[in-house]
N, C-alpha and C. Protein backbone atom coordinates (compact mmCIF):
# COMPACT_ATOMS: atom_id res chain seq x y z
N MET A 1 51.97 75.28 34.15
CA MET A 1 51.11 74.57 33.44
C MET A 1 49.44 74.74 34.20
N GLY A 2 48.84 74.77 33.07
CA GLY A 2 47.21 74.72 33.12
C GLY A 2 46.55 73.91 34.03
N GLU A 3 45.46 74.13 34.64
CA GLU A 3 44.87 73.11 35.46
C GLU A 3 44.12 72.09 34.54
N ILE A 4 44.21 71.02 34.99
CA ILE A 4 43.82 69.52 34.12
C ILE A 4 42.64 69.51 34.47
N LYS A 5 41.60 69.66 33.36
CA LYS A 5 40.27 69.21 33.88
C LYS A 5 39.72 68.15 34.67
N ASP A 6 40.39 67.14 34.03
CA ASP A 6 40.10 65.80 34.48
C ASP A 6 40.40 65.52 35.93
N LYS A 7 40.10 65.95 36.95
CA LYS A 7 40.69 66.15 38.32
C LYS A 7 41.09 64.41 38.87
N GLN A 8 40.18 63.41 38.14
CA GLN A 8 40.18 62.22 38.69
C GLN A 8 41.42 61.42 37.98
N MET A 9 42.13 62.11 37.20
CA MET A 9 43.20 61.23 36.27
C MET A 9 44.40 61.06 37.37
N SER A 10 44.52 59.76 37.51
CA SER A 10 45.74 59.42 38.49
C SER A 10 47.12 59.27 37.80
N ASN A 11 46.95 58.81 36.49
CA ASN A 11 48.33 58.68 35.88
C ASN A 11 48.08 59.80 34.88
N PRO A 12 49.27 60.99 34.89
CA PRO A 12 49.14 62.09 33.71
C PRO A 12 49.42 61.44 32.54
N ASN A 13 49.84 60.09 32.05
CA ASN A 13 50.17 59.84 31.03
C ASN A 13 48.89 59.11 30.29
N ASN A 14 47.86 58.83 31.08
CA ASN A 14 46.38 58.27 30.77
C ASN A 14 45.68 59.19 29.75
N VAL A 15 44.81 58.92 28.80
CA VAL A 15 44.00 59.79 28.08
C VAL A 15 42.89 58.68 27.81
N ASN A 16 41.65 59.32 28.28
CA ASN A 16 40.28 58.95 28.07
C ASN A 16 39.58 59.68 27.28
N GLU A 17 38.04 59.65 27.31
CA GLU A 17 37.23 60.38 26.40
C GLU A 17 37.21 61.86 26.86
N SER A 18 37.19 61.99 28.20
CA SER A 18 36.75 63.34 28.87
C SER A 18 37.98 64.03 28.57
N ASN A 19 39.19 63.46 28.48
CA ASN A 19 40.28 64.61 28.07
C ASN A 19 41.20 64.56 26.65
N PHE A 20 40.60 63.63 25.81
CA PHE A 20 41.63 63.21 24.61
C PHE A 20 41.64 64.43 23.74
N ASN A 21 40.77 65.29 23.59
CA ASN A 21 40.56 66.22 22.59
C ASN A 21 41.63 67.47 23.04
N GLU A 22 41.54 67.88 24.55
CA GLU A 22 42.56 68.71 25.25
C GLU A 22 43.87 68.14 24.92
N THR A 23 44.05 66.78 25.25
CA THR A 23 45.25 66.19 25.03
C THR A 23 46.06 66.37 23.81
N MET A 24 45.08 66.11 22.79
CA MET A 24 45.58 66.20 21.41
C MET A 24 45.97 67.83 21.14
N LYS A 25 45.11 68.46 21.49
CA LYS A 25 45.48 69.95 21.19
C LYS A 25 46.59 70.26 21.92
N GLY A 26 46.70 69.94 23.01
CA GLY A 26 48.45 70.25 23.52
C GLY A 26 49.44 69.65 22.95
N TYR A 27 49.42 68.56 22.43
CA TYR A 27 50.46 68.01 21.63
C TYR A 27 50.68 68.97 20.61
N LEU A 28 49.67 69.40 19.75
CA LEU A 28 49.56 70.25 18.54
C LEU A 28 50.24 71.26 19.10
N LYS A 29 49.65 72.11 20.03
CA LYS A 29 50.40 73.25 20.52
C LYS A 29 51.86 73.37 20.41
N ARG A 30 52.31 72.37 21.13
CA ARG A 30 53.82 71.87 21.25
C ARG A 30 54.74 71.94 19.93
N ALA A 31 53.89 71.21 19.25
CA ALA A 31 54.60 70.93 17.79
C ALA A 31 54.57 72.23 17.05
N PHE A 32 53.49 73.04 17.05
CA PHE A 32 53.70 74.12 16.45
C PHE A 32 54.77 75.23 16.87
N GLU A 33 55.07 75.31 18.09
CA GLU A 33 56.15 75.96 18.72
C GLU A 33 57.57 75.26 18.34
N ILE A 34 57.85 73.85 18.28
CA ILE A 34 58.91 73.35 17.74
C ILE A 34 59.03 73.69 16.39
N ALA A 35 58.15 73.62 15.59
CA ALA A 35 58.17 73.69 14.17
C ALA A 35 58.37 75.43 13.77
N LYS A 36 58.13 75.98 14.79
CA LYS A 36 58.33 77.79 14.37
C LYS A 36 57.08 78.06 13.58
N MET A 37 55.67 77.53 13.58
CA MET A 37 54.74 77.82 12.62
C MET A 37 54.58 79.37 12.96
N THR A 38 53.79 79.77 11.90
CA THR A 38 53.08 81.27 12.16
C THR A 38 51.49 81.19 12.72
N GLU A 39 51.43 81.86 13.47
CA GLU A 39 50.03 82.06 13.85
C GLU A 39 48.90 81.59 12.88
N GLU A 40 48.98 82.30 11.68
CA GLU A 40 48.14 82.01 10.80
C GLU A 40 48.20 80.51 10.50
N GLU A 41 49.22 79.90 10.11
CA GLU A 41 49.43 78.28 9.92
C GLU A 41 48.87 77.61 11.09
N GLN A 42 48.90 77.86 12.42
CA GLN A 42 48.31 77.30 13.42
C GLN A 42 46.80 77.35 13.61
N LYS A 43 46.60 78.61 13.15
CA LYS A 43 44.91 78.81 13.05
C LYS A 43 44.64 77.88 12.12
N LYS A 44 44.69 77.68 10.70
CA LYS A 44 44.20 76.90 9.78
C LYS A 44 44.27 75.41 10.15
N ILE A 45 45.49 74.89 10.89
CA ILE A 45 45.33 73.56 11.53
C ILE A 45 44.25 73.54 12.73
N MET A 46 44.37 74.34 13.38
CA MET A 46 43.38 74.01 14.61
C MET A 46 41.83 74.06 14.21
N ASN A 47 41.68 74.97 13.15
CA ASN A 47 40.37 74.88 12.57
C ASN A 47 39.93 73.85 12.07
N GLY A 48 40.71 73.11 11.12
CA GLY A 48 40.85 71.72 10.70
C GLY A 48 40.50 70.74 11.69
N ILE A 49 41.30 70.72 12.89
CA ILE A 49 41.33 69.62 13.79
C ILE A 49 40.03 70.08 14.45
N ARG A 50 39.12 71.06 14.87
CA ARG A 50 38.03 71.60 15.48
C ARG A 50 36.64 70.94 14.42
N TRP A 51 36.96 71.01 13.15
CA TRP A 51 36.12 70.45 12.21
C TRP A 51 36.20 68.81 12.18
N ALA A 52 37.43 68.20 12.32
CA ALA A 52 37.49 67.01 12.49
C ALA A 52 36.80 66.33 13.40
N LEU A 53 37.06 66.88 14.76
CA LEU A 53 36.71 66.43 16.03
C LEU A 53 35.12 66.39 16.11
N SER A 54 34.66 67.27 15.27
CA SER A 54 32.94 67.30 15.27
C SER A 54 32.47 66.50 14.25
N GLU A 55 33.04 66.31 13.51
CA GLU A 55 32.59 65.52 12.14
C GLU A 55 32.94 63.79 12.42
N LEU A 56 34.19 63.56 12.68
CA LEU A 56 34.66 62.26 12.66
C LEU A 56 34.50 61.64 13.97
N THR A 57 34.07 60.12 13.72
CA THR A 57 34.52 59.34 14.97
C THR A 57 35.75 59.20 15.16
N MET A 58 36.44 58.35 16.23
CA MET A 58 37.74 58.08 16.61
C MET A 58 38.07 57.04 15.79
N GLU A 59 37.14 56.29 15.37
CA GLU A 59 37.39 54.91 14.37
C GLU A 59 37.75 55.70 12.93
N GLU A 60 36.95 56.76 12.50
CA GLU A 60 37.02 57.17 11.20
C GLU A 60 38.36 57.76 11.23
N ALA A 61 38.74 58.56 12.23
CA ALA A 61 39.85 59.28 12.45
C ALA A 61 41.07 58.54 12.11
N ARG A 62 41.11 57.26 13.04
CA ARG A 62 42.18 56.26 12.87
C ARG A 62 42.45 55.50 11.59
N ARG A 63 41.00 55.46 10.86
CA ARG A 63 41.30 54.81 9.39
C ARG A 63 41.94 55.93 8.45
N GLU A 64 41.51 57.27 8.76
CA GLU A 64 42.46 58.50 8.19
C GLU A 64 43.89 58.35 8.10
N TYR A 65 44.15 57.86 9.48
CA TYR A 65 45.77 58.17 9.78
C TYR A 65 46.33 56.82 9.05
N TYR A 66 45.84 55.90 8.91
CA TYR A 66 46.43 54.51 8.18
C TYR A 66 46.28 54.38 7.12
N LYS A 67 45.44 55.52 6.19
CA LYS A 67 45.38 55.44 4.64
C LYS A 67 46.72 55.61 4.24
N ASP A 68 46.62 54.92 3.01
CA ASP A 68 47.91 55.20 2.10
C ASP A 68 48.06 56.47 1.58
């Protein structure tokens, strides 16, 4: 397992502003493995995620999640 950037994290299940993006990307990488996605599919999704992280606030992202 790689080094956790937030060394002050006392509970490994806590997510905060300083580690949210890395945590989410880790979940995605594991999901890619489970779904047996191709490298090209993974790259497309990660590029979309990078765009969304730079352009959307957390609140906007939550609204996107709950859209019908």
